[in-house]
Amino acid sequence: MKVEVVVVGAGGGGAVLGLALAQQGVSVLVLERQPGPPADLRGETIQPNGQRILEQLGILPALTPETVQAVSRFHFVGIGGERLCTMDYEVLPAPHNRALVALSGAVHHLILGRLSAQKSAQLWYGTEFQGLVQQGGRVGGVVVRRAGEDGSIEVEAQLVVGADGAGSLVRRALGVNADVHRYRQGYLIMLLPRPEGMQGEARYYVGRGELLGLFPAPGERVVALYMVETDAVEAFKARGLAAFKARVGEIDAAMAKPLESLTAWEQVGFLPCTRVRTDRWVVEGAALIGDAAHAMNPHASQGRMQAMADAMALAEVIMRCRVTGDWSARALSAYERARRPQVEMLQRLADEQVLFWNAADPVRCFLRDRVFRGMDRNARLRYQALMATAGLRMAPPLTWMDKFMAAGFLPDSRADEIPR
């Protein structure tokens, strides 16, 4: 079998790349290990940069209120204390001046549906990646095995794309060096009825070694995230569901009634957090996108969005390669040069947020809360930080001077200025 591009992994980046290429007539095969579309309990936030991409793909108009919930304001609140800071998306450039919260892959299912409908695309579920085909010193395809079929299948391609997540088998087969860091904390995730009065506003509670996120979702529901130590999830559950519900109710009293619907730990998922840094994203005849190249902590709120941005940038380079006939690493490196600066900035930003937001010691918690309060009084710094979260900024949101201003150690004569 022969195609122009084979994509290993039909996640956020792989599905978008397959659709973007197929819409331009490229013959593309997207392979997915799972037997069907994702069904795991998860909520996802589509940031403004992701909304722009969905608009380019023709997906955005199909996002109805049954699919996504628009959220304009994110409130950061001290656990047991007062509101620290509010990030208001309405200050961002229209029309994508909001976040969209979707449930359990609803947006992803739409993308996969559009991909399957494309004449030049194929989507194979239940397909296991087994290895690479080498041709003349370059990657020339993949070897896979489909569920229910005997033997392996060799697929020839001009380009192989690894979009198979942080533990990427394609990355390993390519011999790309990766620094994989697993964070100490992950998140319990729940889908609950939405409390009264929570309309278009999310709440993020920060305390000493404790975080609770509440995000309005479609269907009068709320996605709740609670931080726990990754290696101590079972010990945490052993304390009892009642104790956990009581603690969440203490943090946000409005959640007491919704929590009545939570009756078993089976209703609670777990989201581990990983960072991946690689020495290169392209080799002769192959490329990596999304978490396979650069997984990041979810504090950045950009993991899936950056995979989508990778896909669109790589699709542009692929179209040039088709014209020139040059599929070399040198030609493909234009994709990596375009994408690395923003990705690495967001990875650093997320790690800085982990250092302070997840902190349990009083010094870092004091500095964190002081910076939040300072940013709440400073429109310029709020705007810069929100632009980074929204995926609309390439440079770090705050310089060292900005951080001193946010902490109240220096005055800011431009505090009321918002760039336009």
Protein backbone atom coordinates (compact mmCIF):
# COMPACT_ATOMS: atom_id res chain seq x y z
CA MET A 1 0.00 0.00 0.00
CA LYS A 2 1.24 3.51 -0.79
CA VAL A 3 0.11 6.99 0.31
CA GLU A 4 1.74 10.40 0.39
CA VAL A 5 1.58 10.86 4.19
CA VAL A 6 0.97 8.38 6.98
CA VAL A 7 0.10 9.76 10.43
CA VAL A 8 0.54 7.52 13.47
CA GLY A 9 -1.99 8.65 16.07
CA ALA A 10 -5.46 10.15 15.59
CA GLY A 11 -5.36 12.43 18.62
CA GLY A 12 -5.64 16.21 18.67
CA GLY A 13 -2.69 16.80 16.35
CA GLY A 14 -2.90 13.72 14.12
CA ALA A 15 -6.59 14.11 13.30
CA VAL A 16 -6.18 17.82 12.50
CA LEU A 17 -3.17 17.13 10.27
CA GLY A 18 -5.03 14.39 8.43
CA LEU A 19 -8.04 16.63 7.84
CA ALA A 20 -5.96 19.65 6.80
CA LEU A 21 -4.06 17.56 4.24
CA ALA A 22 -7.09 15.68 2.92
CA GLN A 23 -8.97 18.94 2.38
CA GLN A 24 -6.15 19.88 -0.02
CA GLY A 25 -6.23 16.57 -1.87
CA VAL A 26 -3.25 14.88 -0.22
CA SER A 27 -3.57 11.11 0.10
CA VAL A 28 -3.23 10.50 3.83
CA LEU A 29 -3.61 7.48 6.09
CA VAL A 30 -4.24 8.12 9.81
CA LEU A 31 -3.60 5.19 12.13
CA GLU A 32 -5.09 4.86 15.62
CA ARG A 33 -4.28 2.14 18.16
CA GLN A 34 -7.63 2.43 19.96
CA PRO A 35 -10.63 0.54 18.52
CA GLY A 36 -12.63 3.74 18.02
CA PRO A 37 -12.96 7.43 18.88
CA PRO A 38 -11.92 8.35 22.44
CA ALA A 39 -14.50 7.78 25.16
CA ASP A 40 -12.51 8.68 28.28
CA LEU A 41 -13.94 11.16 30.78
CA ARG A 42 -12.19 14.44 30.10
CA GLY A 43 -12.90 18.09 29.63
CA GLU A 44 -10.93 20.27 27.30
CA THR A 45 -10.64 24.01 26.81
CA ILE A 46 -10.46 25.27 23.23
CA GLN A 47 -8.41 28.46 23.44
CA PRO A 48 -8.68 31.31 20.89
CA ASN A 49 -5.77 30.01 18.79
CA GLY A 50 -7.49 26.63 18.60
CA GLN A 51 -10.74 28.30 17.59
CA ARG A 52 -8.94 30.01 14.71
CA ILE A 53 -7.67 26.64 13.50
CA LEU A 54 -11.12 25.07 13.77
CA GLU A 55 -12.46 28.00 11.75
CA GLN A 56 -9.90 27.35 9.01
CA LEU A 57 -10.95 23.70 8.91
CA GLY A 58 -14.66 24.57 8.73
CA ILE A 59 -15.36 22.95 12.12
CA LEU A 60 -16.09 26.02 14.25
CA PRO A 61 -19.62 26.70 12.87
CA ALA A 62 -20.60 23.14 13.89
CA LEU A 63 -19.81 23.79 17.56
CA THR A 64 -23.28 24.23 19.03
CA PRO A 65 -24.18 24.95 22.69
CA GLU A 66 -24.71 21.20 23.05
CA THR A 67 -21.05 20.71 22.10
CA VAL A 68 -19.24 23.56 23.83
CA GLN A 69 -19.81 26.08 26.62
CA ALA A 70 -18.41 29.59 26.18
CA VAL A 71 -16.47 30.88 29.19
CA SER A 72 -15.44 34.54 29.41
CA ARG A 73 -13.95 34.93 32.87
CA PHE A 74 -11.57 32.79 34.93
CA HIS A 75 -11.45 33.69 38.63
CA PHE A 76 -8.41 32.73 40.72
CA VAL A 77 -9.45 32.41 44.35
CA GLY A 78 -7.41 31.73 47.46
CA ILE A 79 -8.68 28.63 49.29
CA GLY A 80 -10.28 29.90 52.45
CA GLY A 81 -9.76 33.48 51.33
CA GLU A 82 -10.73 36.06 48.75
CA ARG A 83 -10.69 36.36 44.98
CA LEU A 84 -7.11 37.03 43.90
CA CYS A 85 -7.40 37.81 40.19
CA THR A 86 -9.83 37.60 37.28
CA MET A 87 -8.79 36.94 33.69
CA ASP A 88 -11.41 38.31 31.28
CA TYR A 89 -11.23 36.94 27.73
CA GLU A 90 -13.44 39.74 26.44
CA VAL A 91 -10.40 42.05 26.32
CA LEU A 92 -8.84 39.85 23.61
CA PRO A 93 -9.27 40.46 19.86
CA ALA A 94 -12.74 39.52 18.60
CA PRO A 95 -14.34 37.29 17.46
CA HIS A 96 -12.49 34.59 19.42
CA ASN A 97 -12.41 36.51 22.70
CA ARG A 98 -13.61 33.62 24.88
CA ALA A 99 -12.66 30.10 25.81
CA LEU A 100 -14.79 27.11 24.82
CA VAL A 101 -15.15 24.15 27.20
CA ALA A 102 -16.02 20.84 25.51
CA LEU A 103 -16.73 17.42 26.97
CA SER A 104 -15.23 13.97 26.40
CA GLY A 105 -13.78 14.60 22.97
CA ALA A 106 -16.93 16.13 21.46
CA VAL A 107 -14.87 18.46 19.26
CA HIS A 108 -12.43 15.68 18.46
CA HIS A 109 -15.29 13.45 17.29
CA LEU A 110 -16.38 16.17 14.85
CA ILE A 111 -12.85 16.38 13.44
CA LEU A 112 -12.63 12.60 13.07
CA GLY A 113 -16.01 12.55 11.35
CA ARG A 114 -14.92 15.17 8.82
CA LEU A 115 -11.63 13.30 8.29
CA SER A 116 -13.42 10.02 7.55
CA ALA A 117 -15.61 11.78 4.97
CA GLN A 118 -12.65 13.03 2.91
CA LYS A 119 -12.07 11.18 -0.37
CA SER A 120 -8.28 11.23 -0.12
CA ALA A 121 -8.15 10.17 3.54
CA GLN A 122 -8.30 6.84 5.33
CA LEU A 123 -8.70 6.37 9.09
CA TRP A 124 -7.77 2.96 10.49
CA TYR A 125 -8.77 2.19 14.07
CA GLY A 126 -7.36 -0.76 16.00
CA THR A 127 -4.02 -0.48 14.23
CA GLU A 128 -0.74 -1.12 16.03
CA PHE A 129 2.49 0.57 14.92
CA GLN A 130 5.24 -2.07 14.65
CA GLY A 131 8.14 -0.29 12.99
CA LEU A 132 9.51 1.87 10.23
CA VAL A 133 10.31 1.11 6.61
CA GLN A 134 13.76 2.35 5.60
CA GLN A 135 14.47 3.28 1.98
CA GLY A 136 17.86 4.55 0.86
CA GLY A 137 18.88 5.95 4.24
CA ARG A 138 15.57 7.64 4.94
CA VAL A 139 12.20 6.73 6.41
CA GLY A 140 9.94 5.46 3.66
CA GLY A 141 6.89 4.17 5.49
CA VAL A 142 5.61 2.09 8.40
CA VAL A 143 4.84 -1.49 9.29
CA VAL A 144 1.53 -1.96 11.13
CA ARG A 145 -0.82 -4.66 12.29
CA ARG A 146 -4.60 -4.29 12.14
CA ALA A 147 -6.89 -5.89 14.71
CA GLY A 148 -8.54 -9.05 13.42
CA GLU A 149 -6.11 -9.49 10.52
CA ASP A 150 -3.25 -11.94 10.17
CA GLY A 151 0.21 -10.66 9.41
CA SER A 152 1.67 -7.19 9.11
CA ILE A 153 0.99 -4.51 6.53
CA GLU A 154 3.71 -2.35 4.98
CA VAL A 155 2.62 1.18 4.08
CA GLU A 156 4.92 3.25 1.87
CA ALA A 157 4.81 7.04 2.25
CA GLN A 158 6.74 10.17 1.37
CA LEU A 159 6.40 11.26 4.99
CA VAL A 160 5.73 9.49 8.29
CA VAL A 161 4.34 11.66 11.11
CA GLY A 162 4.51 10.57 14.74
CA ALA A 163 1.47 11.97 16.56
CA ASP A 164 1.26 9.15 19.09
CA GLY A 165 1.59 11.00 22.39
CA ALA A 166 4.17 11.50 25.10
CA GLY A 167 5.25 7.85 25.06
CA SER A 168 5.61 7.92 21.27
CA LEU A 169 6.70 4.63 19.69
CA VAL A 170 7.48 6.47 16.46
CA ARG A 171 9.85 8.78 18.32
CA ARG A 172 11.68 5.79 19.76
CA ALA A 173 11.88 4.06 16.38
CA LEU A 174 13.36 7.23 14.86
CA GLY A 175 16.05 7.35 17.55
CA VAL A 176 15.08 10.87 18.59
CA ASN A 177 16.43 11.72 22.05
CA ALA A 178 13.73 12.74 24.52
CA ASP A 179 13.75 14.07 28.06
CA VAL A 180 10.50 12.79 29.59
CA HIS A 181 9.58 14.34 32.93
CA ARG A 182 6.61 13.09 34.94
CA TYR A 183 5.28 15.72 37.32
CA ARG A 184 4.65 14.85 40.96
CA GLN A 185 1.04 15.96 40.75
CA GLY A 186 -1.83 14.97 38.51
CA TYR A 187 -5.58 15.66 38.60
CA LEU A 188 -8.70 13.79 39.59
CA ILE A 189 -11.37 14.71 37.03
CA MET A 190 -15.15 14.61 37.48
CA LEU A 191 -18.24 15.64 35.55
CA LEU A 192 -20.93 17.00 37.88
CA PRO A 193 -24.15 19.02 37.70
CA ARG A 194 -23.39 22.73 37.47
CA PRO A 195 -23.96 24.71 40.68
CA GLU A 196 -26.41 27.59 40.59
CA GLY A 197 -25.02 30.95 39.51
CA MET A 198 -22.06 29.53 37.59
CA GLN A 199 -22.70 30.82 34.08
CA GLY A 200 -19.83 31.66 31.73
CA GLU A 201 -17.33 31.90 34.59
CA ALA A 202 -14.72 29.38 35.74
CA ARG A 203 -13.16 29.21 39.20
CA TYR A 204 -9.64 28.13 40.03
CA TYR A 205 -8.90 27.73 43.73
CA VAL A 206 -5.28 27.81 44.91
CA GLY A 207 -4.03 26.95 48.40
CA ARG A 208 -1.08 25.35 50.12
CA GLY A 209 -0.41 22.27 48.01
CA GLU A 210 -4.06 22.19 46.95
CA LEU A 211 -5.80 23.15 43.70
CA LEU A 212 -9.42 22.87 42.59
CA GLY A 213 -10.62 23.91 39.14
CA LEU A 214 -14.31 24.27 38.22
CA PHE A 215 -15.15 24.82 34.55
CA PRO A 216 -18.71 25.27 33.20
CA ALA A 217 -19.50 22.68 30.54
CA PRO A 218 -22.37 22.01 28.11
CA GLY A 219 -25.63 20.61 29.42
CA GLU A 220 -25.63 22.52 32.70
CA ARG A 221 -22.64 20.54 33.92
CA VAL A 222 -19.25 21.40 35.37
CA VAL A 223 -15.84 19.78 34.89
CA ALA A 224 -14.05 19.58 38.24
CA LEU A 225 -10.30 19.01 38.58
CA TYR A 226 -8.60 18.35 41.93
CA MET A 227 -4.82 18.06 42.28
CA VAL A 228 -3.34 14.95 43.93
CA GLU A 229 0.09 13.34 44.19
CA THR A 230 0.46 10.97 41.24
CA ASP A 231 2.09 8.22 43.32
CA ALA A 232 -0.50 8.49 46.06
CA VAL A 233 -3.80 8.33 44.17
CA GLU A 234 -4.85 5.01 45.69
CA ALA A 235 -3.89 6.17 49.18
CA PHE A 236 -5.93 9.33 48.60
CA LYS A 237 -8.96 7.28 47.55
CA ALA A 238 -8.53 5.01 50.57
CA ARG A 239 -9.42 7.95 52.81
CA GLY A 240 -12.93 7.66 51.46
CA LEU A 241 -15.15 9.37 48.91
CA ALA A 242 -17.13 11.10 51.65
CA ALA A 243 -14.01 12.84 52.98
CA PHE A 244 -13.08 14.01 49.48
CA LYS A 245 -16.57 15.37 48.80
CA ALA A 246 -16.58 17.14 52.14
CA ARG A 247 -13.26 18.82 51.34
CA VAL A 248 -14.42 20.04 47.91
CA GLY A 249 -17.60 21.35 49.55
CA GLU A 250 -15.49 23.25 52.08
CA ILE A 251 -13.53 24.91 49.30
CA ASP A 252 -16.65 25.86 47.32
CA ALA A 253 -19.91 25.64 49.25
CA ALA A 254 -21.93 25.85 46.01
CA MET A 255 -20.59 22.40 45.06
CA ALA A 256 -22.25 20.64 48.01
CA LYS A 257 -25.46 19.86 46.11
CA PRO A 258 -23.77 18.80 42.81
CA LEU A 259 -21.44 16.49 44.75
CA GLU A 260 -24.45 14.42 45.84
CA SER A 261 -24.39 12.86 42.35
CA LEU A 262 -20.87 11.53 42.99
CA THR A 263 -21.44 8.11 44.57
CA ALA A 264 -18.43 5.99 43.52
CA TRP A 265 -14.74 6.44 42.64
CA GLU A 266 -15.54 4.87 39.26
CA GLN A 267 -17.06 8.24 38.32
CA VAL A 268 -13.67 9.90 38.87
CA GLY A 269 -10.89 9.77 36.28
CA PHE A 270 -7.22 10.58 36.71
CA LEU A 271 -5.11 12.85 34.49
CA PRO A 272 -1.32 12.42 34.90
CA CYS A 273 0.97 15.26 33.77
CA THR A 274 4.09 14.85 31.63
CA ARG A 275 6.61 17.12 29.93
CA VAL A 276 8.55 15.96 26.86
CA ARG A 277 11.53 17.78 25.35
CA THR A 278 13.22 16.39 22.24
CA ASP A 279 16.45 17.30 20.47
CA ARG A 280 14.75 17.39 17.04
CA TRP A 281 11.31 17.12 15.54
CA VAL A 282 12.25 16.09 11.99
CA VAL A 283 14.50 13.52 10.34
CA GLU A 284 14.81 12.32 6.74
CA GLY A 285 11.25 11.35 5.77
CA ALA A 286 9.62 11.79 9.18
CA ALA A 287 8.36 14.39 11.66
CA LEU A 288 6.92 14.53 15.18
CA ILE A 289 4.01 16.69 16.32
CA GLY A 290 2.13 17.37 19.54
CA ASP A 291 2.99 15.46 22.72
CA ALA A 292 5.31 13.15 20.79
CA ALA A 293 7.57 16.17 20.29
CA HIS A 294 6.78 18.43 23.25
CA ALA A 295 4.20 17.44 25.88
CA MET A 296 3.65 20.16 28.48
CA ASN A 297 1.96 20.63 31.85
CA PRO A 298 -1.77 21.48 31.53
CA HIS A 299 -1.23 24.70 33.54
CA ALA A 300 -0.26 26.24 30.18
CA SER A 301 -3.75 25.35 28.89
CA GLN A 302 -2.15 24.86 25.47
CA GLY A 303 -1.20 21.18 25.09
CA ARG A 304 -3.89 20.22 22.60
CA MET A 305 -3.83 23.67 20.99
CA GLN A 306 -0.10 23.39 20.29
CA ALA A 307 -0.61 19.97 18.70
CA MET A 308 -3.22 21.53 16.42
CA ALA A 309 -0.88 24.43 15.60
CA ASP A 310 1.87 21.92 14.80
CA ALA A 311 -0.48 20.14 12.43
CA MET A 312 -1.38 23.30 10.51
CA ALA A 313 2.25 24.46 10.28
CA LEU A 314 3.43 21.03 9.10
CA ALA A 315 0.58 20.86 6.57
CA GLU A 316 1.87 24.09 4.98
CA VAL A 317 5.38 22.65 4.72
CA ILE A 318 4.06 19.39 3.27
CA MET A 319 2.26 21.28 0.53
CA ARG A 320 5.56 22.95 -0.41
CA CYS A 321 7.33 19.59 -0.36
CA ARG A 322 4.76 18.21 -2.81
CA VAL A 323 5.56 21.02 -5.24
CA THR A 324 9.35 20.83 -4.95
CA GLY A 325 9.62 17.06 -4.50
CA ASP A 326 12.00 17.69 -1.61
CA TRP A 327 10.97 15.72 1.50
CA SER A 328 14.33 15.96 3.22
CA ALA A 329 14.89 16.88 6.86
CA ARG A 330 16.24 20.20 5.63
CA ALA A 331 12.95 21.00 3.88
CA LEU A 332 10.86 19.74 6.80
CA SER A 333 12.88 21.78 9.32
CA ALA A 334 10.91 24.91 8.31
CA TYR A 335 8.08 23.42 10.38
CA GLU A 336 10.27 23.02 13.45
CA ARG A 337 11.75 26.51 13.14
CA ALA A 338 8.27 28.01 12.97
CA ARG A 339 6.91 26.15 15.97
CA ARG A 340 9.71 25.69 18.53
CA PRO A 341 9.83 29.26 19.93
CA GLN A 342 6.23 29.33 21.11
CA VAL A 343 6.26 25.72 22.34
CA GLU A 344 9.40 26.18 24.43
CA MET A 345 8.09 29.45 25.85
CA LEU A 346 4.87 27.73 26.95
CA GLN A 347 6.74 24.79 28.47
CA ARG A 348 8.83 27.20 30.56
CA LEU A 349 5.73 29.16 31.54
CA ALA A 350 3.91 25.99 32.62
CA ASP A 351 6.87 24.88 34.74
CA GLU A 352 6.99 28.28 36.41
CA GLN A 353 3.30 27.98 37.19
CA VAL A 354 3.84 24.49 38.63
CA LEU A 355 6.58 25.90 40.88
CA PHE A 356 4.25 28.49 42.42
CA TRP A 357 0.67 27.34 41.85
CA ASN A 358 1.34 23.83 43.19
CA ALA A 359 3.45 25.11 46.10
CA ALA A 360 2.79 24.05 49.68
CA ASP A 361 5.44 26.13 51.48
CA PRO A 362 4.33 29.53 52.87
CA VAL A 363 6.98 31.60 51.05
CA ARG A 364 6.07 30.55 47.51
CA CYS A 365 2.36 30.64 48.33
CA PHE A 366 2.76 34.20 49.65
CA LEU A 367 4.60 35.29 46.49
CA ARG A 368 2.05 33.54 44.25
CA ASP A 369 -0.90 35.26 45.89
CA ARG A 370 0.89 38.60 45.92
CA VAL A 371 1.56 38.35 42.17
CA PHE A 372 -2.07 37.37 41.49
CA ARG A 373 -3.29 40.42 43.43
CA GLY A 374 -0.79 42.65 41.66
CA MET A 375 -1.91 41.43 38.25
CA ASP A 376 -5.54 42.01 39.20
CA ARG A 377 -4.65 45.70 39.57
CA ASN A 378 -2.56 45.81 36.37
CA ALA A 379 -4.45 45.63 33.07
CA ARG A 380 -1.28 45.47 30.97
CA LEU A 381 0.16 42.45 32.76
CA ARG A 382 -3.20 40.64 32.80
CA TYR A 383 -3.49 41.16 29.06
CA GLN A 384 0.01 39.84 28.37
CA ALA A 385 -0.56 36.76 30.52
CA LEU A 386 -3.94 36.07 28.92
CA MET A 387 -2.50 36.43 25.41
CA ALA A 388 -0.02 33.65 26.24
CA THR A 389 -2.75 31.38 27.66
CA ALA A 390 -4.86 32.09 24.58
CA GLY A 391 -1.98 30.99 22.34
CA LEU A 392 -1.72 34.43 20.71
CA ARG A 393 1.72 35.37 22.01
CA MET A 394 5.17 34.08 21.05
CA ALA A 395 7.26 35.84 23.71
CA PRO A 396 7.11 35.14 27.48
CA PRO A 397 4.14 37.04 28.97
CA LEU A 398 6.13 38.68 31.78
CA THR A 399 9.70 39.93 31.85
CA TRP A 400 11.63 39.89 35.13
CA MET A 401 10.78 43.57 35.47
CA ASP A 402 7.10 42.79 34.94
CA LYS A 403 7.25 40.14 37.67
CA PHE A 404 8.68 42.65 40.14
CA MET A 405 5.89 45.05 39.17
CA ALA A 406 3.25 42.34 39.58
CA ALA A 407 4.61 41.54 43.03
CA GLY A 408 4.36 45.20 44.00
CA PHE A 409 8.10 45.75 44.38
CA LEU A 410 8.24 48.27 41.52
CA PRO A 411 5.69 50.80 40.20
CA ASP A 412 4.28 50.40 36.70
CA SER A 413 3.50 53.65 34.89
CA ARG A 414 1.82 51.64 32.08
CA ALA A 415 -0.44 49.55 34.30
CA ASP A 416 -3.61 50.79 32.60
CA GLU A 417 -2.32 50.32 29.03
CA ILE A 418 -3.69 47.42 26.99
CA PRO A 419 -1.96 46.89 23.61
CA ARG A 420 -4.27 46.95 20.62
